[in-house]
Amino acid sequence: MPFERNDIDVFMIDALVSFHGVMENDNGHMDLVIKEGFGAIANKTDSAGELFHHPGKARPGQVDTTVEDGRGASSILWAVRSARVFNFMTPEEAAKLGLSEDERRLHVRISNGKAKWARSARQNG
């Protein structure tokens, strides 16, 4: 298998929708794609996988995207161990730093999207 011959430790799938042929809105199908498809690759090759998934269209007035805004089936989010979301710097943050609108969109904030990876209240002091 190419992974094993090349000692690949990490594989990245971008964009997720381009690597399967099932209906993106079907929870059962997407759960299988993630767990038995990509999970099997990770297990067989002893590698880590990162899947890049795009959000759906923002709701009117929505500023930030959360992991729950991912396109398609919710099982995509719940089948993975961790999830992160990228958002642009807010206009307010940019104004405080004196950045233009074009410069603002060069800066992103990466947020943890799954609470189980967050520090507990006890760990926070």
N, C-alpha and C. Protein backbone atom coordinates (compact mmCIF):
# COMPACT_ATOMS: atom_id res chain seq x y z
N MET A 1 0.84 -1.18 0.00
CA MET A 1 0.00 0.00 0.00
C MET A 1 0.89 1.25 0.00
N PRO A 2 0.56 2.29 -0.78
CA PRO A 2 1.43 3.48 -0.88
C PRO A 2 1.75 4.12 0.47
N PHE A 3 0.79 4.17 1.41
CA PHE A 3 1.06 4.77 2.71
C PHE A 3 2.23 4.07 3.38
N GLU A 4 2.20 2.74 3.37
CA GLU A 4 3.23 1.96 4.05
C GLU A 4 4.57 2.07 3.35
N ARG A 5 4.59 2.05 2.04
CA ARG A 5 5.85 2.16 1.29
C ARG A 5 6.52 3.50 1.52
N ASN A 6 5.72 4.55 1.68
CA ASN A 6 6.27 5.91 1.80
C ASN A 6 6.35 6.41 3.24
N ASP A 7 6.04 5.57 4.21
CA ASP A 7 6.07 5.97 5.62
C ASP A 7 5.28 7.25 5.88
N ILE A 8 4.08 7.32 5.34
CA ILE A 8 3.23 8.49 5.54
C ILE A 8 2.59 8.43 6.91
N ASP A 9 2.73 9.50 7.68
CA ASP A 9 2.19 9.57 9.04
C ASP A 9 0.85 10.27 9.12
N VAL A 10 0.59 11.18 8.18
CA VAL A 10 -0.62 11.99 8.21
C VAL A 10 -1.19 12.09 6.80
N PHE A 11 -2.51 11.95 6.68
CA PHE A 11 -3.15 12.22 5.40
C PHE A 11 -4.21 13.28 5.61
N MET A 12 -4.35 14.15 4.63
CA MET A 12 -5.31 15.25 4.70
C MET A 12 -6.25 15.17 3.51
N ILE A 13 -7.54 15.25 3.78
CA ILE A 13 -8.57 15.15 2.75
C ILE A 13 -9.23 16.52 2.61
N ASP A 14 -9.04 17.15 1.46
CA ASP A 14 -9.58 18.49 1.24
C ASP A 14 -10.14 18.58 -0.18
N ALA A 15 -11.34 18.77 -0.35
CA ALA A 15 -12.44 18.86 0.59
C ALA A 15 -13.11 17.50 0.72
N LEU A 16 -13.66 17.24 1.88
CA LEU A 16 -14.29 15.96 2.18
C LEU A 16 -15.27 15.54 1.09
N VAL A 17 -16.08 16.45 0.62
CA VAL A 17 -17.12 16.12 -0.37
C VAL A 17 -16.53 15.55 -1.66
N SER A 18 -15.25 15.83 -1.94
CA SER A 18 -14.61 15.35 -3.17
C SER A 18 -14.10 13.92 -3.07
N PHE A 19 -14.19 13.29 -1.90
CA PHE A 19 -13.59 11.98 -1.69
C PHE A 19 -14.59 10.88 -1.40
N HIS A 20 -15.83 11.08 -1.74
CA HIS A 20 -16.81 10.02 -1.57
C HIS A 20 -17.93 10.23 -2.58
N GLY A 21 -18.76 9.21 -2.73
CA GLY A 21 -19.84 9.29 -3.70
C GLY A 21 -21.21 9.10 -3.08
N VAL A 22 -21.34 9.30 -1.77
CA VAL A 22 -22.63 9.11 -1.11
C VAL A 22 -23.30 10.47 -0.91
N MET A 23 -24.57 10.42 -0.53
CA MET A 23 -25.30 11.66 -0.29
C MET A 23 -24.78 12.33 0.98
N GLU A 24 -24.35 13.55 0.85
CA GLU A 24 -23.74 14.29 1.95
C GLU A 24 -24.71 14.52 3.11
N ASN A 25 -25.99 14.49 2.85
CA ASN A 25 -26.99 14.74 3.90
C ASN A 25 -27.46 13.46 4.60
N ASP A 26 -26.94 12.31 4.23
CA ASP A 26 -27.38 11.04 4.79
C ASP A 26 -26.49 10.65 5.98
N ASN A 27 -27.03 10.71 7.19
CA ASN A 27 -26.25 10.41 8.39
C ASN A 27 -25.63 9.02 8.37
N GLY A 28 -26.38 8.02 7.97
CA GLY A 28 -25.86 6.65 7.94
C GLY A 28 -24.71 6.50 6.97
N HIS A 29 -24.86 7.05 5.78
CA HIS A 29 -23.81 6.95 4.77
C HIS A 29 -22.56 7.71 5.18
N MET A 30 -22.73 8.92 5.68
CA MET A 30 -21.56 9.73 6.05
C MET A 30 -20.84 9.14 7.26
N ASP A 31 -21.57 8.55 8.20
CA ASP A 31 -20.94 7.89 9.33
C ASP A 31 -20.03 6.76 8.84
N LEU A 32 -20.51 5.99 7.87
CA LEU A 32 -19.70 4.91 7.29
C LEU A 32 -18.48 5.44 6.55
N VAL A 33 -18.65 6.51 5.79
CA VAL A 33 -17.53 7.10 5.06
C VAL A 33 -16.43 7.50 6.03
N ILE A 34 -16.81 8.18 7.11
CA ILE A 34 -15.81 8.67 8.07
C ILE A 34 -15.19 7.52 8.86
N LYS A 35 -16.02 6.70 9.47
CA LYS A 35 -15.50 5.67 10.37
C LYS A 35 -14.90 4.48 9.64
N GLU A 36 -15.62 3.93 8.67
CA GLU A 36 -15.14 2.72 8.01
C GLU A 36 -14.29 3.01 6.78
N GLY A 37 -14.41 4.21 6.26
CA GLY A 37 -13.56 4.61 5.13
C GLY A 37 -12.26 5.20 5.61
N PHE A 38 -12.32 6.43 6.04
CA PHE A 38 -11.11 7.12 6.48
C PHE A 38 -10.55 6.54 7.77
N GLY A 39 -11.41 6.10 8.68
CA GLY A 39 -10.94 5.46 9.91
C GLY A 39 -10.16 4.19 9.62
N ALA A 40 -10.63 3.43 8.65
CA ALA A 40 -9.93 2.20 8.28
C ALA A 40 -8.56 2.50 7.68
N ILE A 41 -8.47 3.55 6.88
CA ILE A 41 -7.17 3.95 6.33
C ILE A 41 -6.21 4.30 7.46
N ALA A 42 -6.69 5.10 8.41
CA ALA A 42 -5.84 5.51 9.54
C ALA A 42 -5.39 4.30 10.34
N ASN A 43 -6.30 3.39 10.62
CA ASN A 43 -5.95 2.20 11.40
C ASN A 43 -4.97 1.29 10.65
N LYS A 44 -5.26 1.02 9.40
CA LYS A 44 -4.41 0.10 8.62
C LYS A 44 -3.01 0.65 8.42
N THR A 45 -2.89 1.95 8.27
CA THR A 45 -1.59 2.56 7.96
C THR A 45 -0.93 3.17 9.18
N ASP A 46 -1.59 3.09 10.35
CA ASP A 46 -1.07 3.70 11.58
C ASP A 46 -0.74 5.17 11.33
N SER A 47 -1.68 5.86 10.70
CA SER A 47 -1.49 7.27 10.39
C SER A 47 -2.65 8.08 10.96
N ALA A 48 -2.48 9.37 10.97
CA ALA A 48 -3.53 10.28 11.40
C ALA A 48 -4.14 10.92 10.17
N GLY A 49 -5.44 11.18 10.23
CA GLY A 49 -6.11 11.81 9.11
C GLY A 49 -6.77 13.11 9.52
N GLU A 50 -6.76 14.06 8.62
CA GLU A 50 -7.45 15.32 8.85
C GLU A 50 -8.37 15.55 7.67
N LEU A 51 -9.65 15.78 7.99
CA LEU A 51 -10.66 15.99 6.96
C LEU A 51 -11.05 17.46 6.96
N PHE A 52 -11.04 18.08 5.81
CA PHE A 52 -11.46 19.47 5.69
C PHE A 52 -12.88 19.49 5.15
N HIS A 53 -13.76 20.08 5.92
CA HIS A 53 -15.18 20.10 5.58
C HIS A 53 -15.65 21.55 5.57
N HIS A 54 -16.48 21.88 4.63
CA HIS A 54 -16.89 23.27 4.46
C HIS A 54 -18.24 23.53 5.12
N PRO A 55 -18.43 24.76 5.59
CA PRO A 55 -19.73 25.10 6.18
C PRO A 55 -20.77 25.34 5.10
N GLY A 56 -22.03 25.26 5.51
CA GLY A 56 -23.11 25.66 4.62
C GLY A 56 -23.18 27.18 4.58
N LYS A 57 -24.19 27.69 3.95
CA LYS A 57 -24.36 29.15 3.87
C LYS A 57 -24.70 29.71 5.25
N ALA A 58 -24.10 30.85 5.55
CA ALA A 58 -24.34 31.51 6.84
C ALA A 58 -25.79 32.01 6.92
N ARG A 59 -26.32 31.98 8.13
CA ARG A 59 -27.66 32.54 8.36
C ARG A 59 -27.56 34.06 8.33
N PRO A 60 -28.64 34.76 8.01
CA PRO A 60 -28.60 36.23 8.01
C PRO A 60 -28.13 36.75 9.37
N GLY A 61 -27.13 37.62 9.34
CA GLY A 61 -26.60 38.22 10.56
C GLY A 61 -25.57 37.37 11.27
N GLN A 62 -25.33 36.15 10.81
CA GLN A 62 -24.35 35.28 11.46
C GLN A 62 -22.94 35.78 11.15
N VAL A 63 -22.15 35.99 12.20
CA VAL A 63 -20.78 36.48 12.03
C VAL A 63 -19.80 35.31 11.99
N ASP A 64 -19.83 34.47 13.03
CA ASP A 64 -18.90 33.35 13.13
C ASP A 64 -19.57 32.04 12.74
N THR A 65 -18.76 31.14 12.22
CA THR A 65 -19.19 29.80 11.89
C THR A 65 -18.78 28.87 13.04
N THR A 66 -19.62 27.89 13.35
CA THR A 66 -19.27 26.88 14.34
C THR A 66 -19.19 25.54 13.63
N VAL A 67 -18.69 24.52 14.31
CA VAL A 67 -18.61 23.20 13.68
C VAL A 67 -20.00 22.67 13.34
N GLU A 68 -21.01 23.10 14.07
CA GLU A 68 -22.38 22.66 13.78
C GLU A 68 -22.90 23.23 12.45
N ASP A 69 -22.20 24.20 11.87
CA ASP A 69 -22.61 24.78 10.60
C ASP A 69 -22.07 24.01 9.40
N GLY A 70 -21.40 22.88 9.64
CA GLY A 70 -20.86 22.09 8.54
C GLY A 70 -21.97 21.63 7.61
N ARG A 71 -21.64 21.53 6.34
CA ARG A 71 -22.61 21.07 5.33
C ARG A 71 -23.00 19.63 5.60
N GLY A 72 -24.19 19.29 5.21
CA GLY A 72 -24.61 17.90 5.20
C GLY A 72 -24.95 17.32 6.55
N ALA A 73 -24.73 16.02 6.67
CA ALA A 73 -25.15 15.24 7.82
C ALA A 73 -24.39 15.61 9.09
N SER A 74 -25.11 15.64 10.21
CA SER A 74 -24.48 15.93 11.49
C SER A 74 -23.54 14.80 11.92
N SER A 75 -23.72 13.61 11.37
CA SER A 75 -22.85 12.48 11.73
C SER A 75 -21.40 12.74 11.35
N ILE A 76 -21.16 13.63 10.40
CA ILE A 76 -19.78 13.96 10.01
C ILE A 76 -19.05 14.52 11.24
N LEU A 77 -19.68 15.43 11.93
CA LEU A 77 -19.07 16.03 13.12
C LEU A 77 -18.92 15.02 14.24
N TRP A 78 -19.94 14.22 14.47
CA TRP A 78 -19.92 13.31 15.61
C TRP A 78 -19.08 12.07 15.38
N ALA A 79 -18.68 11.81 14.14
CA ALA A 79 -17.84 10.65 13.84
C ALA A 79 -16.35 10.94 14.03
N VAL A 80 -15.98 12.20 14.16
CA VAL A 80 -14.57 12.54 14.31
C VAL A 80 -14.21 12.80 15.77
N ARG A 81 -12.95 12.60 16.10
CA ARG A 81 -12.48 12.77 17.46
C ARG A 81 -12.37 14.25 17.85
N SER A 82 -11.94 15.07 16.95
CA SER A 82 -11.81 16.49 17.25
C SER A 82 -12.26 17.30 16.04
N ALA A 83 -12.63 18.53 16.29
CA ALA A 83 -13.08 19.41 15.20
C ALA A 83 -12.68 20.83 15.53
N ARG A 84 -12.23 21.53 14.52
CA ARG A 84 -11.86 22.94 14.68
C ARG A 84 -12.60 23.74 13.62
N VAL A 85 -12.76 25.01 13.91
CA VAL A 85 -13.40 25.89 12.93
C VAL A 85 -12.53 27.14 12.78
N PHE A 86 -12.43 27.60 11.54
CA PHE A 86 -11.66 28.81 11.23
C PHE A 86 -12.64 29.94 10.95
N ASN A 87 -12.41 31.07 11.58
CA ASN A 87 -13.21 32.27 11.32
C ASN A 87 -12.26 33.44 11.09
N PHE A 88 -12.68 34.37 10.24
CA PHE A 88 -11.89 35.58 10.03
C PHE A 88 -11.94 36.45 11.28
N MET A 89 -10.94 37.29 11.41
CA MET A 89 -10.93 38.30 12.46
C MET A 89 -12.20 39.14 12.30
N THR A 90 -12.82 39.51 13.40
CA THR A 90 -14.04 40.32 13.32
C THR A 90 -13.70 41.75 12.94
N PRO A 91 -14.66 42.47 12.36
CA PRO A 91 -14.42 43.89 12.04
C PRO A 91 -14.03 44.70 13.29
N GLU A 92 -14.62 44.36 14.43
CA GLU A 92 -14.29 45.08 15.68
C GLU A 92 -12.84 44.83 16.09
N GLU A 93 -12.39 43.58 15.99
CA GLU A 93 -11.00 43.27 16.32
C GLU A 93 -10.05 43.99 15.38
N ALA A 94 -10.39 44.02 14.09
CA ALA A 94 -9.54 44.70 13.11
C ALA A 94 -9.47 46.20 13.39
N ALA A 95 -10.60 46.80 13.73
CA ALA A 95 -10.63 48.24 14.02
C ALA A 95 -9.71 48.57 15.19
N LYS A 96 -9.73 47.73 16.23
CA LYS A 96 -8.86 47.96 17.40
C LYS A 96 -7.39 47.92 17.01
N LEU A 97 -7.05 47.14 15.99
CA LEU A 97 -5.66 47.00 15.55
C LEU A 97 -5.33 47.92 14.39
N GLY A 98 -6.31 48.70 13.91
CA GLY A 98 -6.08 49.61 12.80
C GLY A 98 -5.90 48.92 11.46
N LEU A 99 -6.54 47.76 11.29
CA LEU A 99 -6.42 47.00 10.05
C LEU A 99 -7.57 47.30 9.10
N SER A 100 -7.27 47.33 7.81
CA SER A 100 -8.30 47.54 6.80
C SER A 100 -9.12 46.27 6.65
N GLU A 101 -10.22 46.36 5.90
CA GLU A 101 -11.07 45.19 5.64
C GLU A 101 -10.28 44.11 4.91
N ASP A 102 -9.46 44.49 3.93
CA ASP A 102 -8.65 43.51 3.21
C ASP A 102 -7.64 42.84 4.15
N GLU A 103 -7.01 43.62 5.02
CA GLU A 103 -6.05 43.06 5.97
C GLU A 103 -6.74 42.16 6.99
N ARG A 104 -7.95 42.53 7.40
CA ARG A 104 -8.71 41.75 8.38
C ARG A 104 -8.90 40.32 7.91
N ARG A 105 -9.17 40.13 6.63
CA ARG A 105 -9.46 38.81 6.10
C ARG A 105 -8.20 37.96 5.90
N LEU A 106 -7.03 38.51 6.23
CA LEU A 106 -5.79 37.74 6.21
C LEU A 106 -5.53 37.04 7.55
N HIS A 107 -6.34 37.36 8.55
CA HIS A 107 -6.15 36.82 9.90
C HIS A 107 -7.33 35.94 10.28
N VAL A 108 -7.02 34.77 10.82
CA VAL A 108 -8.08 33.86 11.22
C VAL A 108 -7.93 33.48 12.70
N ARG A 109 -9.03 33.08 13.25
CA ARG A 109 -9.09 32.56 14.62
C ARG A 109 -9.49 31.09 14.48
N ILE A 110 -8.76 30.21 15.14
CA ILE A 110 -9.06 28.78 15.10
C ILE A 110 -9.65 28.41 16.45
N SER A 111 -10.87 27.89 16.42
CA SER A 111 -11.57 27.55 17.66
C SER A 111 -11.80 26.05 17.75
N ASN A 112 -11.69 25.55 18.97
CA ASN A 112 -12.01 24.16 19.25
C ASN A 112 -13.51 23.99 19.11
N GLY A 113 -13.93 23.00 18.35
CA GLY A 113 -15.35 22.83 18.11
C GLY A 113 -16.02 21.71 18.88
N LYS A 114 -15.24 20.95 19.64
CA LYS A 114 -15.83 19.85 20.40
C LYS A 114 -15.45 20.02 21.86
N ALA A 115 -16.46 20.12 22.71
CA ALA A 115 -16.25 20.44 24.13
C ALA A 115 -15.40 19.41 24.85
N LYS A 116 -15.41 18.16 24.42
CA LYS A 116 -14.66 17.14 25.16
C LYS A 116 -13.16 17.41 25.16
N TRP A 117 -12.69 18.27 24.27
CA TRP A 117 -11.27 18.60 24.22
C TRP A 117 -10.98 19.91 24.95
N ALA A 118 -12.00 20.55 25.47
CA ALA A 118 -11.80 21.81 26.20
C ALA A 118 -11.31 21.51 27.61
N ARG A 119 -10.62 22.47 28.20
CA ARG A 119 -10.17 22.32 29.59
C ARG A 119 -11.39 22.35 30.48
N SER A 120 -11.39 21.54 31.50
CA SER A 120 -12.50 21.53 32.45
C SER A 120 -12.41 22.75 33.37
N ALA A 121 -13.50 23.07 34.05
CA ALA A 121 -13.52 24.18 34.98
C ALA A 121 -12.47 23.98 36.07
N ARG A 122 -12.29 22.73 36.48
CA ARG A 122 -11.29 22.42 37.51
C ARG A 122 -9.88 22.72 37.00
N GLN A 123 -9.59 22.44 35.73
CA GLN A 123 -8.26 22.70 35.17
C GLN A 123 -8.01 24.19 34.99
N ASN A 124 -9.10 24.96 34.79
CA ASN A 124 -8.96 26.40 34.57
C ASN A 124 -8.70 27.16 35.86
N GLY A 125 -8.80 26.49 36.99
CA GLY A 125 -8.48 27.12 38.27
C GLY A 125 -9.70 27.46 38.99
